[in-house]
């Protein structure tokens, strides 16, 4: 779990999940969940903004 200040969304807490592939020794990290710091869930648009932001800073 980590927290990020995402542009156009604000502060959020995210949970990431990493998958490892044994044959190729590669990994894939995805956004498992995200919510506002006060516990409120994100709507679909804000969830996508969080995912795009994390991808732009090479977290996922």
N, C-alpha and C. Protein backbone atom coordinates (compact mmCIF):
# COMPACT_ATOMS: atom_id res chain seq x y z
N UNK A 1 0.83 -1.17 0.00
CA UNK A 1 0.00 0.00 0.00
C UNK A 1 0.88 1.24 0.00
N UNK A 2 0.43 2.26 -0.71
CA UNK A 2 1.16 3.51 -0.75
C UNK A 2 0.21 4.65 -0.97
N UNK A 3 0.68 5.85 -0.76
CA UNK A 3 -0.17 7.01 -0.99
C UNK A 3 0.50 7.92 -2.01
N UNK A 4 -0.34 8.53 -2.84
CA UNK A 4 0.12 9.40 -3.91
C UNK A 4 -0.81 10.60 -4.01
N UNK A 5 -0.25 11.74 -4.40
CA UNK A 5 -1.05 12.92 -4.68
C UNK A 5 -1.22 13.01 -6.19
N UNK A 6 -2.36 12.57 -6.67
CA UNK A 6 -2.60 12.43 -8.10
C UNK A 6 -3.23 13.72 -8.65
N UNK A 7 -2.66 14.29 -9.71
CA UNK A 7 -3.25 15.49 -10.30
C UNK A 7 -4.72 15.25 -10.71
N UNK A 8 -5.57 16.21 -10.49
CA UNK A 8 -7.00 16.20 -10.79
C UNK A 8 -7.79 15.22 -9.93
N UNK A 9 -7.13 14.52 -9.01
CA UNK A 9 -7.83 13.58 -8.12
C UNK A 9 -7.58 13.95 -6.67
N UNK A 10 -6.33 14.25 -6.34
CA UNK A 10 -5.97 14.56 -4.96
C UNK A 10 -5.26 13.39 -4.32
N UNK A 11 -5.10 13.43 -3.00
CA UNK A 11 -4.39 12.36 -2.30
C UNK A 11 -5.21 11.06 -2.30
N UNK A 12 -4.55 9.96 -2.63
CA UNK A 12 -5.20 8.65 -2.66
C UNK A 12 -4.29 7.61 -2.03
N UNK A 13 -4.89 6.54 -1.57
CA UNK A 13 -4.15 5.39 -1.07
C UNK A 13 -4.39 4.25 -2.05
N UNK A 14 -3.31 3.64 -2.50
CA UNK A 14 -3.42 2.59 -3.50
C UNK A 14 -2.84 1.28 -2.97
N UNK A 15 -3.36 0.21 -3.51
CA UNK A 15 -2.83 -1.12 -3.26
C UNK A 15 -2.43 -1.71 -4.61
N UNK A 16 -1.22 -2.21 -4.67
CA UNK A 16 -0.69 -2.76 -5.92
C UNK A 16 -0.56 -4.27 -5.80
N UNK A 17 -0.66 -4.95 -6.92
CA UNK A 17 -0.45 -6.40 -6.96
C UNK A 17 0.57 -6.71 -8.03
N UNK A 18 1.54 -7.54 -7.69
CA UNK A 18 2.58 -7.92 -8.64
C UNK A 18 2.46 -9.39 -9.00
N UNK A 19 2.47 -9.67 -10.27
CA UNK A 19 2.44 -11.03 -10.80
C UNK A 19 3.82 -11.35 -11.33
N UNK A 20 4.34 -12.53 -11.02
CA UNK A 20 5.65 -12.96 -11.52
C UNK A 20 5.45 -14.18 -12.42
N UNK A 21 6.15 -14.14 -13.53
CA UNK A 21 6.05 -15.22 -14.51
C UNK A 21 7.35 -16.02 -14.48
N UNK A 22 7.25 -17.27 -14.07
CA UNK A 22 8.43 -18.09 -13.83
C UNK A 22 9.25 -18.41 -15.06
N UNK A 23 8.60 -18.68 -16.18
CA UNK A 23 9.35 -19.08 -17.36
C UNK A 23 10.18 -17.95 -17.94
N UNK A 24 9.66 -16.73 -17.88
CA UNK A 24 10.38 -15.60 -18.46
C UNK A 24 11.06 -14.74 -17.41
N UNK A 25 10.77 -14.99 -16.14
CA UNK A 25 11.32 -14.21 -15.03
C UNK A 25 10.94 -12.73 -15.13
N UNK A 26 9.78 -12.44 -15.72
CA UNK A 26 9.28 -11.08 -15.81
C UNK A 26 8.19 -10.87 -14.76
N UNK A 27 7.88 -9.61 -14.49
CA UNK A 27 6.82 -9.31 -13.54
C UNK A 27 5.91 -8.23 -14.10
N UNK A 28 4.69 -8.22 -13.61
CA UNK A 28 3.69 -7.24 -14.01
C UNK A 28 3.04 -6.71 -12.75
N UNK A 29 3.07 -5.41 -12.54
CA UNK A 29 2.44 -4.79 -11.37
C UNK A 29 1.20 -4.06 -11.83
N UNK A 30 0.09 -4.32 -11.14
CA UNK A 30 -1.18 -3.70 -11.49
C UNK A 30 -1.77 -2.97 -10.29
N UNK A 31 -2.70 -2.09 -10.56
CA UNK A 31 -3.42 -1.37 -9.52
C UNK A 31 -4.54 -2.26 -9.02
N UNK A 32 -4.42 -2.74 -7.78
CA UNK A 32 -5.43 -3.62 -7.22
C UNK A 32 -6.62 -2.82 -6.71
N UNK A 33 -6.37 -1.73 -5.99
CA UNK A 33 -7.45 -0.89 -5.49
C UNK A 33 -6.92 0.50 -5.19
N UNK A 34 -7.85 1.44 -5.13
CA UNK A 34 -7.50 2.82 -4.81
C UNK A 34 -8.69 3.48 -4.14
N UNK A 35 -8.42 4.30 -3.15
CA UNK A 35 -9.48 5.08 -2.51
C UNK A 35 -8.90 6.36 -1.96
N UNK A 36 -9.77 7.30 -1.65
CA UNK A 36 -9.34 8.58 -1.10
C UNK A 36 -8.83 8.36 0.33
N UNK A 37 -8.02 9.28 0.82
CA UNK A 37 -7.43 9.11 2.15
C UNK A 37 -8.50 9.09 3.25
N UNK A 38 -9.68 9.65 2.97
CA UNK A 38 -10.76 9.61 3.97
C UNK A 38 -11.59 8.33 3.87
N UNK A 39 -11.19 7.41 2.98
CA UNK A 39 -11.87 6.12 2.86
C UNK A 39 -12.92 6.06 1.78
N UNK A 40 -13.25 7.18 1.16
CA UNK A 40 -14.26 7.18 0.11
C UNK A 40 -13.72 6.49 -1.14
N UNK A 41 -14.56 5.68 -1.78
CA UNK A 41 -14.11 5.03 -3.02
C UNK A 41 -14.01 6.05 -4.15
N UNK A 42 -13.21 5.72 -5.13
CA UNK A 42 -13.06 6.56 -6.33
C UNK A 42 -14.09 6.15 -7.36
N UNK A 43 -14.57 7.11 -8.14
CA UNK A 43 -15.42 6.75 -9.26
C UNK A 43 -14.54 6.19 -10.38
N UNK A 44 -15.16 5.72 -11.42
CA UNK A 44 -14.44 5.05 -12.51
C UNK A 44 -13.43 5.99 -13.17
N UNK A 45 -13.81 7.24 -13.38
CA UNK A 45 -12.93 8.20 -14.06
C UNK A 45 -11.70 8.47 -13.20
N UNK A 46 -11.89 8.71 -11.91
CA UNK A 46 -10.75 8.98 -11.03
C UNK A 46 -9.86 7.74 -10.87
N UNK A 47 -10.46 6.56 -10.86
CA UNK A 47 -9.68 5.33 -10.77
C UNK A 47 -8.76 5.21 -11.98
N UNK A 48 -9.28 5.53 -13.15
CA UNK A 48 -8.47 5.49 -14.38
C UNK A 48 -7.38 6.56 -14.34
N UNK A 49 -7.69 7.73 -13.80
CA UNK A 49 -6.67 8.78 -13.68
C UNK A 49 -5.53 8.33 -12.77
N UNK A 50 -5.87 7.65 -11.70
CA UNK A 50 -4.85 7.13 -10.79
C UNK A 50 -3.98 6.12 -11.52
N UNK A 51 -4.59 5.21 -12.25
CA UNK A 51 -3.85 4.19 -12.99
C UNK A 51 -2.93 4.83 -14.02
N UNK A 52 -3.42 5.83 -14.74
CA UNK A 52 -2.60 6.50 -15.74
C UNK A 52 -1.45 7.25 -15.09
N UNK A 53 -1.72 7.88 -13.95
CA UNK A 53 -0.65 8.60 -13.24
C UNK A 53 0.44 7.63 -12.77
N UNK A 54 0.03 6.51 -12.19
CA UNK A 54 1.01 5.53 -11.71
C UNK A 54 1.83 4.97 -12.87
N UNK A 55 1.19 4.81 -14.01
CA UNK A 55 1.93 4.33 -15.18
C UNK A 55 2.90 5.40 -15.67
N UNK A 56 2.51 6.67 -15.60
CA UNK A 56 3.39 7.74 -16.09
C UNK A 56 4.62 7.92 -15.23
N UNK A 57 4.55 7.54 -13.96
CA UNK A 57 5.73 7.65 -13.08
C UNK A 57 6.38 6.29 -12.86
N UNK A 58 6.04 5.32 -13.73
CA UNK A 58 6.66 3.99 -13.78
C UNK A 58 6.48 3.18 -12.50
N UNK A 59 5.33 3.33 -11.86
CA UNK A 59 5.01 2.48 -10.71
C UNK A 59 4.37 1.20 -11.20
N UNK A 60 3.49 1.32 -12.20
CA UNK A 60 2.86 0.13 -12.79
C UNK A 60 3.16 0.10 -14.28
